[in-house]
Amino acid sequence: LSEAAQVIREGGLVAFPTETVYGLGGNGLRPEVSKKIYAAKGRPSD
C-alpha cells in the first residue's frame, strides 16, 4: 500500500478498484500526470 501511494506521489499511474469500475489513478494536481493518463488510455485530452 505504501508503495502504491508513493507511485502516485511520484507522478506514476496506479489502477485501482472502486465500487463502480476500476480507475486509472494519477496525481490530479499535476498537469504532466494528467497528460500521462490521457496517453496511457489513448484518450482525447478534451
All heavy atoms as atom14 arrays in JSON, in Angstrom:
{
  "sequence": "LSEAAQVIREGGLVAFPTETVYGLGGNGLRPEVSKKIYAAKGRPSD",
  "atom14_mask": [
    [1, 1, 1, 1, 1, 1, 1, 1, 0, 0, 0, 0, 0, 0],
    [1, 1, 1, 1, 1, 1, 0, 0, 0, 0, 0, 0, 0, 0],
    [1, 1, 1, 1, 1, 1, 1, 1, 1, 0, 0, 0, 0, 0],
    [1, 1, 1, 1, 1, 0, 0, 0, 0, 0, 0, 0, 0, 0],
    [1, 1, 1, 1, 1, 0, 0, 0, 0, 0, 0, 0, 0, 0],
    [1, 1, 1, 1, 1, 1, 1, 1, 1, 0, 0, 0, 0, 0],
    [1, 1, 1, 1, 1, 1, 1, 0, 0, 0, 0, 0, 0, 0],
    [1, 1, 1, 1, 1, 1, 1, 1, 0, 0, 0, 0, 0, 0],
    [1, 1, 1, 1, 1, 1, 1, 1, 1, 1, 1, 0, 0, 0],
    [1, 1, 1, 1, 1, 1, 1, 1, 1, 0, 0, 0, 0, 0],
    [1, 1, 1, 1, 0, 0, 0, 0, 0, 0, 0, 0, 0, 0],
    [1, 1, 1, 1, 0, 0, 0, 0, 0, 0, 0, 0, 0, 0],
    [1, 1, 1, 1, 1, 1, 1, 1, 0, 0, 0, 0, 0, 0],
    [1, 1, 1, 1, 1, 1, 1, 0, 0, 0, 0, 0, 0, 0],
    [1, 1, 1, 1, 1, 0, 0, 0, 0, 0, 0, 0, 0, 0],
    [1, 1, 1, 1, 1, 1, 1, 1, 1, 1, 1, 0, 0, 0],
    [1, 1, 1, 1, 1, 1, 1, 0, 0, 0, 0, 0, 0, 0],
    [1, 1, 1, 1, 1, 1, 1, 0, 0, 0, 0, 0, 0, 0],
    [1, 1, 1, 1, 1, 1, 1, 1, 1, 0, 0, 0, 0, 0],
    [1, 1, 1, 1, 1, 1, 1, 0, 0, 0, 0, 0, 0, 0],
    [1, 1, 1, 1, 1, 1, 1, 0, 0, 0, 0, 0, 0, 0],
    [1, 1, 1, 1, 1, 1, 1, 1, 1, 1, 1, 1, 0, 0],
    [1, 1, 1, 1, 0, 0, 0, 0, 0, 0, 0, 0, 0, 0],
    [1, 1, 1, 1, 1, 1, 1, 1, 0, 0, 0, 0, 0, 0],
    [1, 1, 1, 1, 0, 0, 0, 0, 0, 0, 0, 0, 0, 0],
    [1, 1, 1, 1, 0, 0, 0, 0, 0, 0, 0, 0, 0, 0],
    [1, 1, 1, 1, 1, 1, 1, 1, 0, 0, 0, 0, 0, 0],
    [1, 1, 1, 1, 0, 0, 0, 0, 0, 0, 0, 0, 0, 0],
    [1, 1, 1, 1, 1, 1, 1, 1, 0, 0, 0, 0, 0, 0],
    [1, 1, 1, 1, 1, 1, 1, 1, 1, 1, 1, 0, 0, 0],
    [1, 1, 1, 1, 1, 1, 1, 0, 0, 0, 0, 0, 0, 0],
    [1, 1, 1, 1, 1, 1, 1, 1, 1, 0, 0, 0, 0, 0],
    [1, 1, 1, 1, 1, 1, 1, 0, 0, 0, 0, 0, 0, 0],
    [1, 1, 1, 1, 1, 1, 0, 0, 0, 0, 0, 0, 0, 0],
    [1, 1, 1, 1, 1, 1, 1, 1, 1, 0, 0, 0, 0, 0],
    [1, 1, 1, 1, 1, 1, 1, 1, 1, 0, 0, 0, 0, 0],
    [1, 1, 1, 1, 1, 1, 1, 1, 0, 0, 0, 0, 0, 0],
    [1, 1, 1, 1, 1, 1, 1, 1, 1, 1, 1, 1, 0, 0],
    [1, 1, 1, 1, 1, 0, 0, 0, 0, 0, 0, 0, 0, 0],
    [1, 1, 1, 1, 1, 0, 0, 0, 0, 0, 0, 0, 0, 0],
    [1, 1, 1, 1, 1, 1, 1, 1, 1, 0, 0, 0, 0, 0],
    [1, 1, 1, 1, 0, 0, 0, 0, 0, 0, 0, 0, 0, 0],
    [1, 1, 1, 1, 1, 1, 1, 1, 1, 1, 1, 0, 0, 0],
    [1, 1, 1, 1, 1, 1, 1, 0, 0, 0, 0, 0, 0, 0],
    [1, 1, 1, 1, 1, 1, 0, 0, 0, 0, 0, 0, 0, 0],
    [1, 1, 1, 1, 1, 1, 1, 1, 0, 0, 0, 0, 0, 0]
  ],
  "atom14_positions": [
    [[0.83, -1.2, 0.0], [0.0, 0.0, 0.0], [0.87, 1.25, 0.0], [0.61, 2.21, -0.74], [-0.93, 0.01, 1.21], [-1.77, 1.28, 1.41], [-2.66, 1.53, 0.21], [-2.6, 1.16, 2.69], [0.0, 0.0, 0.0], [0.0, 0.0, 0.0], [0.0, 0.0, 0.0], [0.0, 0.0, 0.0], [0.0, 0.0, 0.0], [0.0, 0.0, 0.0]],
    [[1.91, 1.24, 0.82], [2.82, 2.38, 0.85], [3.49, 2.59, -0.5], [3.67, 3.73, -0.96], [3.9, 2.16, 1.93], [3.32, 2.13, 3.21], [0.0, 0.0, 0.0], [0.0, 0.0, 0.0], [0.0, 0.0, 0.0], [0.0, 0.0, 0.0], [0.0, 0.0, 0.0], [0.0, 0.0, 0.0], [0.0, 0.0, 0.0], [0.0, 0.0, 0.0]],
    [[3.83, 1.49, -1.17], [4.45, 1.59, -2.49], [3.48, 2.17, -3.5], [3.86, 3.04, -4.31], [4.91, 0.21, -2.94], [5.65, 0.22, -4.27], [6.1, -1.17, -4.7], [5.92, -2.13, -3.93], [6.6, -1.28, -5.84], [0.0, 0.0, 0.0], [0.0, 0.0, 0.0], [0.0, 0.0, 0.0], [0.0, 0.0, 0.0], [0.0, 0.0, 0.0]],
    [[2.21, 1.74, -3.47], [1.21, 2.27, -4.4], [1.02, 3.77, -4.19], [0.94, 4.54, -5.15], [-0.11, 1.53, -4.21], [0.0, 0.0, 0.0], [0.0, 0.0, 0.0], [0.0, 0.0, 0.0], [0.0, 0.0, 0.0], [0.0, 0.0, 0.0], [0.0, 0.0, 0.0], [0.0, 0.0, 0.0], [0.0, 0.0, 0.0], [0.0, 0.0, 0.0]],
    [[0.95, 4.19, -2.93], [0.79, 5.61, -2.63], [2.0, 6.41, -3.1], [1.86, 7.53, -3.61], [0.57, 5.8, -1.13], [0.0, 0.0, 0.0], [0.0, 0.0, 0.0], [0.0, 0.0, 0.0], [0.0, 0.0, 0.0], [0.0, 0.0, 0.0], [0.0, 0.0, 0.0], [0.0, 0.0, 0.0], [0.0, 0.0, 0.0], [0.0, 0.0, 0.0]],
    [[3.17, 5.83, -2.94], [4.39, 6.52, -3.36], [4.42, 6.68, -4.88], [4.87, 7.72, -5.39], [5.62, 5.74, -2.89], [6.94, 6.45, -3.19], [8.14, 5.71, -2.63], [7.99, 4.71, -1.92], [9.33, 6.18, -2.95], [0.0, 0.0, 0.0], [0.0, 0.0, 0.0], [0.0, 0.0, 0.0], [0.0, 0.0, 0.0], [0.0, 0.0, 0.0]],
    [[3.94, 5.66, -5.6], [3.87, 5.77, -7.06], [3.03, 6.98, -7.45], [3.41, 7.78, -8.33], [3.29, 4.48, -7.68], [2.96, 4.7, -9.17], [4.25, 3.32, -7.53], [0.0, 0.0, 0.0], [0.0, 0.0, 0.0], [0.0, 0.0, 0.0], [0.0, 0.0, 0.0], [0.0, 0.0, 0.0], [0.0, 0.0, 0.0], [0.0, 0.0, 0.0]],
    [[1.9, 7.18, -6.78], [1.04, 8.33, -7.07], [1.78, 9.63, -6.76], [1.79, 10.57, -7.57], [-0.27, 8.26, -6.26], [-1.13, 7.08, -6.72], [-1.05, 9.58, -6.38], [-1.67, 7.2, -8.13], [0.0, 0.0, 0.0], [0.0, 0.0, 0.0], [0.0, 0.0, 0.0], [0.0, 0.0, 0.0], [0.0, 0.0, 0.0], [0.0, 0.0, 0.0]],
    [[2.39, 9.71, -5.61], [3.06, 10.95, -5.19], [4.23, 11.29, -6.11], [4.58, 12.46, -6.29], [3.54, 10.84, -3.75], [2.39, 10.87, -2.73], [2.91, 11.09, -1.33], [3.7, 9.97, -0.86], [3.2, 8.92, -0.21], [1.9, 8.86, 0.04], [3.98, 7.93, 0.19], [0.0, 0.0, 0.0], [0.0, 0.0, 0.0], [0.0, 0.0, 0.0]],
    [[4.85, 10.26, -6.71], [5.99, 10.49, -7.59], [5.59, 10.69, -9.05], [6.45, 10.78, -9.92], [6.97, 9.32, -7.46], [7.65, 9.27, -6.09], [8.64, 8.12, -5.98], [8.68, 7.27, -6.91], [9.35, 8.06, -4.96], [0.0, 0.0, 0.0], [0.0, 0.0, 0.0], [0.0, 0.0, 0.0], [0.0, 0.0, 0.0], [0.0, 0.0, 0.0]],
    [[4.27, 10.74, -9.3], [3.81, 11.03, -10.66], [3.53, 9.82, -11.52], [3.35, 9.96, -12.74], [0.0, 0.0, 0.0], [0.0, 0.0, 0.0], [0.0, 0.0, 0.0], [0.0, 0.0, 0.0], [0.0, 0.0, 0.0], [0.0, 0.0, 0.0], [0.0, 0.0, 0.0], [0.0, 0.0, 0.0], [0.0, 0.0, 0.0], [0.0, 0.0, 0.0]],
    [[3.47, 8.62, -10.91], [3.16, 7.43, -11.67], [1.67, 7.15, -11.74], [0.85, 7.91, -11.22], [0.0, 0.0, 0.0], [0.0, 0.0, 0.0], [0.0, 0.0, 0.0], [0.0, 0.0, 0.0], [0.0, 0.0, 0.0], [0.0, 0.0, 0.0], [0.0, 0.0, 0.0], [0.0, 0.0, 0.0], [0.0, 0.0, 0.0], [0.0, 0.0, 0.0]],
    [[1.31, 6.02, -12.37], [-0.08, 5.65, -12.58], [-0.39, 4.31, -11.93], [0.35, 3.33, -12.11], [-0.39, 5.57, -14.07], [-0.11, 6.82, -14.92], [-0.53, 6.59, -16.36], [-0.8, 8.04, -14.34], [0.0, 0.0, 0.0], [0.0, 0.0, 0.0], [0.0, 0.0, 0.0], [0.0, 0.0, 0.0], [0.0, 0.0, 0.0], [0.0, 0.0, 0.0]],
    [[-1.48, 4.27, -11.17], [-1.92, 3.06, -10.47], [-3.39, 2.81, -10.79], [-4.25, 3.67, -10.55], [-1.75, 3.19, -8.95], [-2.26, 1.94, -8.24], [-0.3, 3.47, -8.57], [0.0, 0.0, 0.0], [0.0, 0.0, 0.0], [0.0, 0.0, 0.0], [0.0, 0.0, 0.0], [0.0, 0.0, 0.0], [0.0, 0.0, 0.0], [0.0, 0.0, 0.0]],
    [[-3.72, 1.63, -11.3], [-5.11, 1.24, -11.48], [-5.62, 0.64, -10.19], [-4.92, -0.15, -9.55], [-5.25, 0.24, -12.62], [0.0, 0.0, 0.0], [0.0, 0.0, 0.0], [0.0, 0.0, 0.0], [0.0, 0.0, 0.0], [0.0, 0.0, 0.0], [0.0, 0.0, 0.0], [0.0, 0.0, 0.0], [0.0, 0.0, 0.0], [0.0, 0.0, 0.0]],
    [[-6.85, 1.02, -9.8], [-7.38, 0.55, -8.51], [-8.87, 0.29, -8.61], [-9.57, 0.9, -9.42], [-7.07, 1.57, -7.41], [-7.72, 2.92, -7.6], [-8.9, 3.26, -6.95], [-7.15, 3.88, -8.44], [-9.49, 4.5, -7.12], [-7.74, 5.13, -8.63], [-8.91, 5.44, -7.96], [0.0, 0.0, 0.0], [0.0, 0.0, 0.0], [0.0, 0.0, 0.0]],
    [[-9.39, -0.62, -7.77], [-10.81, -0.94, -7.83], [-11.64, 0.1, -7.09], [-11.2, 0.69, -6.11], [-10.88, -2.29, -7.11], [-9.76, -2.22, -6.11], [-8.66, -1.44, -6.78], [0.0, 0.0, 0.0], [0.0, 0.0, 0.0], [0.0, 0.0, 0.0], [0.0, 0.0, 0.0], [0.0, 0.0, 0.0], [0.0, 0.0, 0.0], [0.0, 0.0, 0.0]],
    [[-12.85, 0.35, -7.58], [-13.86, 1.1, -6.84], [-15.14, 0.26, -6.86], [-15.14, -0.85, -7.39], [-14.14, 2.48, -7.46], [-14.91, 2.33, -8.65], [-12.85, 3.22, -7.76], [0.0, 0.0, 0.0], [0.0, 0.0, 0.0], [0.0, 0.0, 0.0], [0.0, 0.0, 0.0], [0.0, 0.0, 0.0], [0.0, 0.0, 0.0], [0.0, 0.0, 0.0]],
    [[-16.21, 0.78, -6.3], [-17.47, 0.03, -6.34], [-18.11, 0.05, -7.73], [-18.99, -0.75, -8.02], [-18.46, 0.57, -5.3], [-19.2, 1.82, -5.69], [-18.43, 3.11, -5.49], [-17.17, 3.1, -5.55], [-19.06, 4.14, -5.29], [0.0, 0.0, 0.0], [0.0, 0.0, 0.0], [0.0, 0.0, 0.0], [0.0, 0.0, 0.0], [0.0, 0.0, 0.0]],
    [[-17.67, 0.96, -8.61], [-18.27, 1.08, -9.94], [-17.46, 0.3, -10.97], [-17.89, -0.74, -11.46], [-18.38, 2.55, -10.34], [-17.09, 3.18, -10.3], [-19.36, 3.28, -9.43], [0.0, 0.0, 0.0], [0.0, 0.0, 0.0], [0.0, 0.0, 0.0], [0.0, 0.0, 0.0], [0.0, 0.0, 0.0], [0.0, 0.0, 0.0], [0.0, 0.0, 0.0]],
    [[-16.27, 0.79, -11.33], [-15.34, 0.11, -12.23], [-13.93, 0.38, -11.72], [-13.74, 1.14, -10.78], [-15.48, 0.62, -13.69], [-16.88, 0.34, -14.23], [-15.14, 2.1, -13.82], [0.0, 0.0, 0.0], [0.0, 0.0, 0.0], [0.0, 0.0, 0.0], [0.0, 0.0, 0.0], [0.0, 0.0, 0.0], [0.0, 0.0, 0.0], [0.0, 0.0, 0.0]],
    [[-12.94, -0.23, -12.35], [-11.55, 0.07, -11.99], [-11.16, 1.43, -12.57], [-11.51, 1.76, -13.71], [-10.6, -0.99, -12.55], [-10.45, -2.2, -11.65], [-11.49, -3.13, -11.51], [-9.28, -2.42, -10.93], [-11.36, -4.23, -10.68], [-9.13, -3.53, -10.1], [-10.17, -4.43, -9.98], [-10.04, -5.52, -9.15], [0.0, 0.0, 0.0], [0.0, 0.0, 0.0]],
    [[-10.44, 2.23, -11.77], [-9.98, 3.53, -12.21], [-8.48, 3.54, -12.47], [-7.73, 2.77, -11.86], [0.0, 0.0, 0.0], [0.0, 0.0, 0.0], [0.0, 0.0, 0.0], [0.0, 0.0, 0.0], [0.0, 0.0, 0.0], [0.0, 0.0, 0.0], [0.0, 0.0, 0.0], [0.0, 0.0, 0.0], [0.0, 0.0, 0.0], [0.0, 0.0, 0.0]],
    [[-8.04, 4.4, -13.37], [-6.62, 4.58, -13.65], [-6.17, 5.87, -12.99], [-6.48, 6.96, -13.47], [-6.36, 4.64, -15.16], [-4.92, 4.94, -15.58], [-3.96, 3.91, -15.0], [-4.8, 5.0, -17.09], [0.0, 0.0, 0.0], [0.0, 0.0, 0.0], [0.0, 0.0, 0.0], [0.0, 0.0, 0.0], [0.0, 0.0, 0.0], [0.0, 0.0, 0.0]],
    [[-5.49, 5.75, -11.85], [-5.23, 6.89, -11.0], [-3.86, 7.52, -11.16], [-2.85, 6.84, -11.37], [0.0, 0.0, 0.0], [0.0, 0.0, 0.0], [0.0, 0.0, 0.0], [0.0, 0.0, 0.0], [0.0, 0.0, 0.0], [0.0, 0.0, 0.0], [0.0, 0.0, 0.0], [0.0, 0.0, 0.0], [0.0, 0.0, 0.0], [0.0, 0.0, 0.0]],
    [[-3.85, 8.85, -11.05], [-2.62, 9.63, -11.01], [-2.88, 10.92, -10.25], [-4.04, 11.3, -10.02], [0.0, 0.0, 0.0], [0.0, 0.0, 0.0], [0.0, 0.0, 0.0], [0.0, 0.0, 0.0], [0.0, 0.0, 0.0], [0.0, 0.0, 0.0], [0.0, 0.0, 0.0], [0.0, 0.0, 0.0], [0.0, 0.0, 0.0], [0.0, 0.0, 0.0]],
    [[-1.84, 11.59, -9.85], [-1.97, 12.84, -9.1], [-2.7, 13.89, -9.95], [-2.16, 14.41, -10.91], [-0.59, 13.36, -8.7], [-0.64, 14.57, -7.78], [-1.63, 15.3, -7.73], [0.43, 14.79, -7.03], [0.0, 0.0, 0.0], [0.0, 0.0, 0.0], [0.0, 0.0, 0.0], [0.0, 0.0, 0.0], [0.0, 0.0, 0.0], [0.0, 0.0, 0.0]],
    [[-3.94, 14.21, -9.55], [-4.76, 15.09, -10.36], [-4.38, 16.55, -10.3], [-4.96, 17.37, -11.02], [0.0, 0.0, 0.0], [0.0, 0.0, 0.0], [0.0, 0.0, 0.0], [0.0, 0.0, 0.0], [0.0, 0.0, 0.0], [0.0, 0.0, 0.0], [0.0, 0.0, 0.0], [0.0, 0.0, 0.0], [0.0, 0.0, 0.0], [0.0, 0.0, 0.0]],
    [[-3.41, 16.9, -9.45], [-2.98, 18.3, -9.34], [-1.71, 18.57, -10.13], [-1.2, 19.69, -10.11], [-2.78, 18.67, -7.87], [-4.02, 18.5, -6.97], [-3.73, 19.02, -5.56], [-5.23, 19.21, -7.57], [0.0, 0.0, 0.0], [0.0, 0.0, 0.0], [0.0, 0.0, 0.0], [0.0, 0.0, 0.0], [0.0, 0.0, 0.0], [0.0, 0.0, 0.0]],
    [[-1.21, 17.56, -10.83], [-0.01, 17.73, -11.63], [-0.36, 17.59, -13.11], [-0.77, 16.51, -13.55], [1.06, 16.71, -11.23], [1.64, 16.98, -9.85], [2.62, 15.9, -9.41], [3.72, 15.72, -10.33], [4.75, 14.9, -10.11], [4.79, 14.18, -8.98], [5.71, 14.76, -11.0], [0.0, 0.0, 0.0], [0.0, 0.0, 0.0], [0.0, 0.0, 0.0]],
    [[-0.23, 18.65, -13.88], [-0.66, 18.6, -15.29], [0.04, 17.53, -16.11], [-0.58, 16.91, -16.98], [-0.34, 20.0, -15.81], [0.59, 20.62, -14.82], [0.28, 19.99, -13.51], [0.0, 0.0, 0.0], [0.0, 0.0, 0.0], [0.0, 0.0, 0.0], [0.0, 0.0, 0.0], [0.0, 0.0, 0.0], [0.0, 0.0, 0.0], [0.0, 0.0, 0.0]],
    [[1.33, 17.29, -15.81], [2.04, 16.3, -16.6], [1.51, 14.89, -16.34], [1.6, 14.0, -17.2], [3.56, 16.37, -16.34], [4.01, 15.84, -14.98], [3.88, 16.87, -13.85], [3.22, 17.91, -14.05], [4.45, 16.61, -12.76], [0.0, 0.0, 0.0], [0.0, 0.0, 0.0], [0.0, 0.0, 0.0], [0.0, 0.0, 0.0], [0.0, 0.0, 0.0]],
    [[0.96, 14.67, -15.13], [0.4, 13.35, -14.81], [-0.92, 13.14, -15.56], [-1.18, 12.06, -16.08], [0.2, 13.21, -13.29], [-0.53, 11.9, -12.97], [1.55, 13.23, -12.58], [0.0, 0.0, 0.0], [0.0, 0.0, 0.0], [0.0, 0.0, 0.0], [0.0, 0.0, 0.0], [0.0, 0.0, 0.0], [0.0, 0.0, 0.0], [0.0, 0.0, 0.0]],
    [[-1.74, 14.18, -15.62], [-2.98, 14.06, -16.4], [-2.67, 13.74, -17.86], [-3.35, 12.94, -18.5], [-3.8, 15.34, -16.28], [-4.27, 15.51, -14.96], [0.0, 0.0, 0.0], [0.0, 0.0, 0.0], [0.0, 0.0, 0.0], [0.0, 0.0, 0.0], [0.0, 0.0, 0.0], [0.0, 0.0, 0.0], [0.0, 0.0, 0.0], [0.0, 0.0, 0.0]],
    [[-1.62, 14.36, -18.39], [-1.21, 14.06, -19.76], [-0.81, 12.58, -19.89], [-1.09, 11.94, -20.91], [-0.05, 14.97, -20.18], [-0.45, 16.43, -20.35], [0.76, 17.28, -20.72], [0.4, 18.75, -20.9], [1.58, 19.58, -21.23], [0.0, 0.0, 0.0], [0.0, 0.0, 0.0], [0.0, 0.0, 0.0], [0.0, 0.0, 0.0], [0.0, 0.0, 0.0]],
    [[-0.16, 12.04, -18.86], [0.23, 10.63, -18.88], [-1.0, 9.71, -18.88], [-1.02, 8.68, -19.54], [1.12, 10.31, -17.68], [2.53, 10.88, -17.79], [3.3, 10.71, -16.49], [3.68, 9.29, -16.21], [4.61, 9.16, -15.04], [0.0, 0.0, 0.0], [0.0, 0.0, 0.0], [0.0, 0.0, 0.0], [0.0, 0.0, 0.0], [0.0, 0.0, 0.0]],
    [[-2.02, 10.11, -18.13], [-3.26, 9.33, -18.1], [-3.89, 9.3, -19.49], [-4.28, 8.24, -20.0], [-4.24, 9.9, -17.05], [-3.7, 9.68, -15.63], [-5.61, 9.24, -17.19], [-4.52, 10.36, -14.55], [0.0, 0.0, 0.0], [0.0, 0.0, 0.0], [0.0, 0.0, 0.0], [0.0, 0.0, 0.0], [0.0, 0.0, 0.0], [0.0, 0.0, 0.0]],
    [[-4.02, 10.48, -20.1], [-4.59, 10.54, -21.45], [-3.78, 9.67, -22.42], [-4.35, 8.95, -23.25], [-4.61, 11.98, -21.96], [-5.64, 12.87, -21.31], [-5.26, 14.01, -20.6], [-7.0, 12.6, -21.43], [-6.2, 14.85, -20.02], [-7.95, 13.42, -20.85], [-7.55, 14.55, -20.16], [-8.48, 15.38, -19.58], [0.0, 0.0, 0.0], [0.0, 0.0, 0.0]],
    [[-2.47, 9.74, -22.32], [-1.61, 8.98, -23.23], [-1.75, 7.48, -23.01], [-1.81, 6.7, -23.97], [-0.16, 9.42, -23.08], [0.0, 0.0, 0.0], [0.0, 0.0, 0.0], [0.0, 0.0, 0.0], [0.0, 0.0, 0.0], [0.0, 0.0, 0.0], [0.0, 0.0, 0.0], [0.0, 0.0, 0.0], [0.0, 0.0, 0.0], [0.0, 0.0, 0.0]],
    [[-1.78, 7.05, -21.74], [-1.88, 5.63, -21.43], [-3.17, 5.04, -21.97], [-3.2, 3.91, -22.48], [-1.79, 5.41, -19.92], [0.0, 0.0, 0.0], [0.0, 0.0, 0.0], [0.0, 0.0, 0.0], [0.0, 0.0, 0.0], [0.0, 0.0, 0.0], [0.0, 0.0, 0.0], [0.0, 0.0, 0.0], [0.0, 0.0, 0.0], [0.0, 0.0, 0.0]],
    [[-4.26, 5.8, -21.89], [-5.55, 5.33, -22.35], [-5.77, 5.54, -23.85], [-6.67, 4.93, -24.43], [-6.67, 6.07, -21.59], [-6.87, 5.62, -20.17], [-7.94, 6.44, -19.47], [-9.3, 6.38, -20.13], [-9.96, 5.06, -20.07], [0.0, 0.0, 0.0], [0.0, 0.0, 0.0], [0.0, 0.0, 0.0], [0.0, 0.0, 0.0], [0.0, 0.0, 0.0]],
    [[-4.98, 6.44, -24.45], [-5.29, 6.87, -25.8], [-6.56, 7.7, -25.82], [-7.35, 7.64, -26.74], [0.0, 0.0, 0.0], [0.0, 0.0, 0.0], [0.0, 0.0, 0.0], [0.0, 0.0, 0.0], [0.0, 0.0, 0.0], [0.0, 0.0, 0.0], [0.0, 0.0, 0.0], [0.0, 0.0, 0.0], [0.0, 0.0, 0.0], [0.0, 0.0, 0.0]],
    [[-6.74, 8.5, -24.78], [-7.97, 9.25, -24.55], [-7.83, 10.68, -25.06], [-6.81, 11.33, -24.82], [-8.26, 9.27, -23.04], [-9.51, 10.03, -22.57], [-9.51, 10.04, -21.05], [-10.62, 10.78, -20.46], [-11.67, 10.22, -19.87], [-11.76, 8.91, -19.84], [-12.6, 10.96, -19.31], [0.0, 0.0, 0.0], [0.0, 0.0, 0.0], [0.0, 0.0, 0.0]],
    [[-8.84, 11.22, -25.75], [-8.78, 12.63, -26.18], [-8.63, 13.56, -24.99], [-9.28, 13.37, -23.95], [-10.13, 12.84, -26.88], [-10.57, 11.48, -27.29], [-10.07, 10.56, -26.23], [0.0, 0.0, 0.0], [0.0, 0.0, 0.0], [0.0, 0.0, 0.0], [0.0, 0.0, 0.0], [0.0, 0.0, 0.0], [0.0, 0.0, 0.0], [0.0, 0.0, 0.0]],
    [[-7.78, 14.56, -25.1], [-7.45, 15.41, -23.96], [-8.53, 16.43, -23.62], [-8.4, 17.16, -22.64], [-6.13, 16.15, -24.22], [-6.23, 16.97, -25.36], [0.0, 0.0, 0.0], [0.0, 0.0, 0.0], [0.0, 0.0, 0.0], [0.0, 0.0, 0.0], [0.0, 0.0, 0.0], [0.0, 0.0, 0.0], [0.0, 0.0, 0.0], [0.0, 0.0, 0.0]],
    [[-9.61, 16.48, -24.43], [-10.72, 17.37, -24.05], [-11.81, 16.61, -23.3], [-12.89, 17.13, -23.06], [-11.31, 18.06, -25.28], [-12.01, 17.09, -26.25], [-11.8, 15.87, -26.12], [-12.76, 17.57, -27.11], [0.0, 0.0, 0.0], [0.0, 0.0, 0.0], [0.0, 0.0, 0.0], [0.0, 0.0, 0.0], [0.0, 0.0, 0.0], [0.0, 0.0, 0.0]]
  ]
}
